[in-house]
N, C-alpha and C. Protein backbone atom coordinates (compact mmCIF):
# COMPACT_ATOMS: atom_id res chain seq x y z
N UNK A 1 20.34 11.37 62.78
CA UNK A 1 19.82 11.32 64.13
C UNK A 1 18.59 12.23 64.22
N UNK A 2 17.66 11.82 65.04
CA UNK A 2 16.45 12.60 65.21
C UNK A 2 16.29 12.95 66.67
N UNK A 3 15.76 14.12 66.93
CA UNK A 3 15.48 14.53 68.30
C UNK A 3 14.03 14.23 68.64
N UNK A 4 13.82 13.80 69.88
CA UNK A 4 12.47 13.72 70.39
C UNK A 4 12.22 15.03 71.12
N UNK A 5 11.13 15.66 70.83
CA UNK A 5 10.83 16.94 71.46
C UNK A 5 9.62 16.76 72.36
N UNK A 6 9.78 17.14 73.62
CA UNK A 6 8.67 17.07 74.56
C UNK A 6 7.63 18.11 74.17
N UNK A 7 6.47 18.02 74.76
CA UNK A 7 5.41 18.97 74.45
C UNK A 7 5.82 20.40 74.76
N UNK A 8 6.70 20.60 75.74
CA UNK A 8 7.13 21.96 76.07
C UNK A 8 8.23 22.45 75.12
N UNK A 9 8.63 21.60 74.15
CA UNK A 9 9.58 22.02 73.13
C UNK A 9 11.02 21.69 73.44
N UNK A 10 11.33 21.15 74.61
CA UNK A 10 12.71 20.83 74.97
C UNK A 10 13.09 19.45 74.42
N UNK A 11 14.28 19.31 73.81
CA UNK A 11 14.71 17.99 73.33
C UNK A 11 14.85 17.02 74.50
N UNK A 12 14.37 15.80 74.31
CA UNK A 12 14.45 14.80 75.37
C UNK A 12 15.69 13.94 75.22
N UNK A 13 15.92 13.41 74.01
CA UNK A 13 17.07 12.56 73.76
C UNK A 13 17.23 12.41 72.26
N UNK A 14 18.40 11.91 71.84
CA UNK A 14 18.61 11.62 70.43
C UNK A 14 18.39 10.14 70.20
N UNK A 15 17.76 9.81 69.08
CA UNK A 15 17.53 8.42 68.72
C UNK A 15 18.38 8.05 67.53
N UNK A 16 18.79 6.80 67.47
CA UNK A 16 19.52 6.28 66.33
C UNK A 16 18.51 5.95 65.24
N UNK A 17 18.83 6.26 63.99
CA UNK A 17 17.93 5.93 62.89
C UNK A 17 17.90 4.42 62.73
N UNK A 18 16.73 3.89 62.43
CA UNK A 18 16.57 2.45 62.23
C UNK A 18 15.95 2.20 60.86
N UNK A 19 16.28 1.04 60.29
CA UNK A 19 15.68 0.63 59.03
C UNK A 19 14.38 -0.11 59.33
N UNK A 20 13.32 0.27 58.63
CA UNK A 20 12.03 -0.38 58.78
C UNK A 20 11.62 -0.91 57.41
N UNK A 21 11.19 -2.18 57.38
CA UNK A 21 10.69 -2.77 56.14
C UNK A 21 9.23 -3.17 56.36
N UNK A 22 8.46 -3.10 55.29
CA UNK A 22 7.06 -3.51 55.34
C UNK A 22 6.94 -4.82 54.57
N UNK A 23 6.41 -5.84 55.25
CA UNK A 23 6.23 -7.15 54.63
C UNK A 23 4.74 -7.46 54.56
N UNK A 24 4.37 -8.24 53.56
CA UNK A 24 2.99 -8.67 53.40
C UNK A 24 2.92 -10.15 53.75
N UNK A 25 2.07 -10.51 54.71
CA UNK A 25 1.97 -11.91 55.12
C UNK A 25 1.07 -12.69 54.16
N UNK A 26 0.90 -13.99 54.45
CA UNK A 26 0.13 -14.86 53.57
C UNK A 26 -1.35 -14.48 53.48
N UNK A 27 -1.83 -13.65 54.42
CA UNK A 27 -3.22 -13.19 54.39
C UNK A 27 -3.37 -11.82 53.72
N UNK A 28 -2.26 -11.28 53.19
CA UNK A 28 -2.30 -9.99 52.53
C UNK A 28 -2.19 -8.81 53.47
N UNK A 29 -1.95 -9.07 54.76
CA UNK A 29 -1.82 -7.99 55.74
C UNK A 29 -0.39 -7.46 55.75
N UNK A 30 -0.26 -6.14 55.72
CA UNK A 30 1.06 -5.52 55.75
C UNK A 30 1.48 -5.26 57.18
N UNK A 31 2.73 -5.63 57.50
CA UNK A 31 3.29 -5.45 58.82
C UNK A 31 4.65 -4.78 58.71
N UNK A 32 4.94 -3.85 59.63
CA UNK A 32 6.23 -3.16 59.64
C UNK A 32 7.18 -3.86 60.60
N UNK A 33 8.45 -3.99 60.16
CA UNK A 33 9.48 -4.63 60.96
C UNK A 33 10.72 -3.75 61.02
N UNK A 34 11.37 -3.73 62.18
CA UNK A 34 12.65 -3.05 62.34
C UNK A 34 13.73 -4.07 62.01
N UNK A 35 14.71 -3.67 61.20
CA UNK A 35 15.81 -4.54 60.84
C UNK A 35 16.81 -4.55 62.00
N UNK A 36 16.96 -5.69 62.66
CA UNK A 36 17.91 -5.82 63.75
C UNK A 36 19.30 -6.15 63.25
N UNK A 37 19.36 -6.90 62.16
CA UNK A 37 20.65 -7.28 61.60
C UNK A 37 20.49 -8.03 60.31
N UNK A 38 21.60 -8.08 59.57
CA UNK A 38 21.65 -8.79 58.30
C UNK A 38 23.02 -9.45 58.23
N UNK A 39 23.06 -10.70 57.76
CA UNK A 39 24.33 -11.41 57.71
C UNK A 39 24.35 -12.41 56.56
N UNK A 40 25.54 -12.58 55.98
CA UNK A 40 25.74 -13.63 54.99
C UNK A 40 26.32 -14.82 55.73
N UNK A 41 25.65 -15.95 55.63
CA UNK A 41 26.07 -17.17 56.31
C UNK A 41 26.07 -18.30 55.29
N UNK A 42 27.23 -18.89 55.07
CA UNK A 42 27.38 -20.00 54.14
C UNK A 42 26.79 -19.69 52.77
N UNK A 43 27.02 -18.48 52.26
CA UNK A 43 26.61 -18.10 50.92
C UNK A 43 25.20 -17.57 50.76
N UNK A 44 24.42 -17.57 51.83
CA UNK A 44 23.06 -17.02 51.77
C UNK A 44 22.96 -15.83 52.71
N UNK A 45 22.03 -14.92 52.42
CA UNK A 45 21.86 -13.72 53.24
C UNK A 45 20.57 -13.85 54.04
N UNK A 46 20.67 -13.52 55.33
CA UNK A 46 19.55 -13.63 56.26
C UNK A 46 19.35 -12.30 56.97
N UNK A 47 18.11 -12.06 57.40
CA UNK A 47 17.79 -10.85 58.14
C UNK A 47 17.05 -11.21 59.42
N UNK A 48 17.40 -10.52 60.51
CA UNK A 48 16.66 -10.63 61.76
C UNK A 48 15.78 -9.39 61.85
N UNK A 49 14.48 -9.60 62.01
CA UNK A 49 13.50 -8.52 61.99
C UNK A 49 12.62 -8.59 63.23
N UNK A 50 12.35 -7.42 63.79
CA UNK A 50 11.48 -7.32 64.96
C UNK A 50 10.23 -6.54 64.57
N UNK A 51 9.04 -7.08 64.83
CA UNK A 51 7.83 -6.32 64.52
C UNK A 51 7.84 -4.97 65.24
N UNK A 52 7.41 -3.91 64.56
CA UNK A 52 7.36 -2.58 65.19
C UNK A 52 6.46 -2.64 66.42
N UNK A 53 5.32 -3.27 66.28
CA UNK A 53 4.42 -3.46 67.42
C UNK A 53 4.74 -4.83 67.98
N UNK A 54 5.57 -4.85 69.04
CA UNK A 54 6.13 -6.10 69.53
C UNK A 54 6.10 -6.18 71.05
N UNK A 55 4.95 -6.49 71.63
CA UNK A 55 4.88 -6.52 73.09
C UNK A 55 5.67 -7.66 73.74
N UNK A 56 5.95 -8.73 73.01
CA UNK A 56 6.66 -9.87 73.58
C UNK A 56 8.17 -9.78 73.42
N UNK A 57 8.69 -8.84 72.63
CA UNK A 57 10.12 -8.73 72.41
C UNK A 57 10.69 -9.83 71.52
N UNK A 58 9.86 -10.44 70.69
CA UNK A 58 10.30 -11.51 69.81
C UNK A 58 10.75 -10.95 68.47
N UNK A 59 11.53 -11.76 67.73
CA UNK A 59 11.94 -11.36 66.39
C UNK A 59 11.89 -12.57 65.48
N UNK A 60 11.92 -12.32 64.17
CA UNK A 60 11.90 -13.39 63.18
C UNK A 60 13.18 -13.34 62.37
N UNK A 61 13.56 -14.50 61.83
CA UNK A 61 14.72 -14.59 60.96
C UNK A 61 14.22 -15.08 59.61
N UNK A 62 14.54 -14.33 58.55
CA UNK A 62 14.10 -14.68 57.19
C UNK A 62 15.30 -14.72 56.26
N UNK A 63 15.16 -15.46 55.19
CA UNK A 63 16.22 -15.62 54.19
C UNK A 63 15.90 -14.74 52.98
N UNK A 64 16.91 -14.02 52.48
CA UNK A 64 16.75 -13.19 51.30
C UNK A 64 17.03 -14.04 50.06
N UNK A 65 16.10 -14.01 49.12
CA UNK A 65 16.29 -14.72 47.86
C UNK A 65 15.85 -13.80 46.73
N UNK A 66 16.49 -13.98 45.57
CA UNK A 66 16.12 -13.18 44.41
C UNK A 66 15.02 -13.91 43.64
N UNK A 67 13.91 -13.21 43.42
CA UNK A 67 12.79 -13.77 42.68
C UNK A 67 13.10 -13.76 41.19
N UNK A 68 12.29 -14.46 40.42
CA UNK A 68 12.50 -14.52 38.97
C UNK A 68 12.43 -13.15 38.31
N UNK A 69 11.63 -12.24 38.88
CA UNK A 69 11.48 -10.90 38.30
C UNK A 69 12.61 -9.97 38.73
N UNK A 70 13.59 -10.49 39.49
CA UNK A 70 14.72 -9.68 39.91
C UNK A 70 14.54 -8.99 41.25
N UNK A 71 13.34 -9.03 41.80
CA UNK A 71 13.10 -8.43 43.11
C UNK A 71 13.62 -9.35 44.21
N UNK A 72 13.82 -8.79 45.38
CA UNK A 72 14.27 -9.56 46.53
C UNK A 72 13.07 -9.96 47.37
N UNK A 73 12.98 -11.24 47.70
CA UNK A 73 11.93 -11.75 48.58
C UNK A 73 12.56 -12.18 49.89
N UNK A 74 11.80 -12.08 50.96
CA UNK A 74 12.21 -12.61 52.25
C UNK A 74 11.31 -13.80 52.54
N UNK A 75 11.93 -14.96 52.76
CA UNK A 75 11.16 -16.19 52.93
C UNK A 75 11.49 -16.84 54.27
N UNK A 76 10.57 -17.66 54.76
CA UNK A 76 10.84 -18.40 55.98
C UNK A 76 11.87 -19.49 55.69
N UNK A 77 12.55 -19.92 56.74
CA UNK A 77 13.57 -20.96 56.62
C UNK A 77 12.91 -22.28 57.03
N UNK A 78 12.70 -23.17 56.06
CA UNK A 78 12.00 -24.42 56.32
C UNK A 78 12.91 -25.53 56.85
N UNK A 79 14.19 -25.49 56.51
CA UNK A 79 15.13 -26.51 56.95
C UNK A 79 15.51 -26.27 58.42
N UNK A 80 15.24 -27.25 59.28
CA UNK A 80 15.48 -27.10 60.71
C UNK A 80 16.95 -26.84 61.04
N UNK A 81 17.87 -27.55 60.38
CA UNK A 81 19.31 -27.37 60.65
C UNK A 81 19.76 -25.97 60.24
N UNK A 82 19.32 -25.52 59.07
CA UNK A 82 19.67 -24.18 58.60
C UNK A 82 19.12 -23.13 59.55
N UNK A 83 17.87 -23.29 59.97
CA UNK A 83 17.25 -22.34 60.88
C UNK A 83 18.02 -22.28 62.20
N UNK A 84 18.41 -23.42 62.71
CA UNK A 84 19.15 -23.48 63.98
C UNK A 84 20.49 -22.74 63.87
N UNK A 85 21.23 -22.98 62.78
CA UNK A 85 22.53 -22.30 62.58
C UNK A 85 22.35 -20.79 62.52
N UNK A 86 21.38 -20.35 61.73
CA UNK A 86 21.17 -18.91 61.53
C UNK A 86 20.65 -18.27 62.82
N UNK A 87 19.72 -18.93 63.49
CA UNK A 87 19.19 -18.40 64.75
C UNK A 87 20.28 -18.27 65.80
N UNK A 88 21.15 -19.28 65.90
CA UNK A 88 22.26 -19.23 66.85
C UNK A 88 23.19 -18.06 66.53
N UNK A 89 23.45 -17.84 65.25
CA UNK A 89 24.31 -16.71 64.85
C UNK A 89 23.72 -15.39 65.33
N UNK A 90 22.43 -15.17 65.03
CA UNK A 90 21.82 -13.90 65.42
C UNK A 90 21.69 -13.76 66.93
N UNK A 91 21.41 -14.85 67.63
CA UNK A 91 21.36 -14.79 69.10
C UNK A 91 22.70 -14.32 69.65
N UNK A 92 23.80 -14.89 69.12
CA UNK A 92 25.13 -14.50 69.57
C UNK A 92 25.44 -13.06 69.22
N UNK A 93 25.11 -12.65 67.98
CA UNK A 93 25.42 -11.30 67.52
C UNK A 93 24.56 -10.23 68.18
N UNK A 94 23.27 -10.50 68.34
CA UNK A 94 22.35 -9.49 68.84
C UNK A 94 22.23 -9.48 70.36
N UNK A 95 22.33 -10.65 70.96
CA UNK A 95 22.05 -10.73 72.39
C UNK A 95 23.15 -11.44 73.15
N UNK A 96 24.33 -11.56 72.54
CA UNK A 96 25.44 -12.21 73.22
C UNK A 96 25.84 -11.47 74.47
N UNK A 97 26.53 -12.16 75.33
CA UNK A 97 26.96 -11.55 76.58
C UNK A 97 27.95 -10.42 76.30
N UNK A 98 27.84 -9.36 77.06
CA UNK A 98 28.76 -8.24 76.95
C UNK A 98 29.87 -8.44 77.94
N UNK A 99 31.11 -8.33 77.47
CA UNK A 99 32.27 -8.47 78.35
C UNK A 99 32.68 -7.09 78.83
N UNK A 100 32.27 -6.76 80.05
CA UNK A 100 32.55 -5.45 80.59
C UNK A 100 33.99 -5.30 81.06
N UNK A 101 34.72 -6.42 81.15
CA UNK A 101 36.12 -6.36 81.56
C UNK A 101 37.06 -6.14 80.40
N UNK A 102 36.56 -6.24 79.18
CA UNK A 102 37.41 -6.04 77.99
C UNK A 102 37.83 -4.59 77.89
N UNK A 103 39.05 -4.39 77.44
CA UNK A 103 39.55 -3.02 77.28
C UNK A 103 39.46 -2.57 75.87
């Protein structure tokens, strides 16, 4: 946990640590993303990522695959059905309704 310290030196609040990954797009530009979640669905692993600089509040879902050199790549999901299943999973997990009546 990290403290935010105001200019007068008093702690403001504690923040939860977040995982940030840097990805390189097709134009060679590096962008930082916060990892919102990771899940294995039907034998494949997917990640939901939110751009650090994100004025619209949008996120992307990418598939983790092992490259020939043994490194892990994150790729876009081209299959519409697969994308729909994975997107629905993350929508439910990340933004599903909260049941305030549950004990």
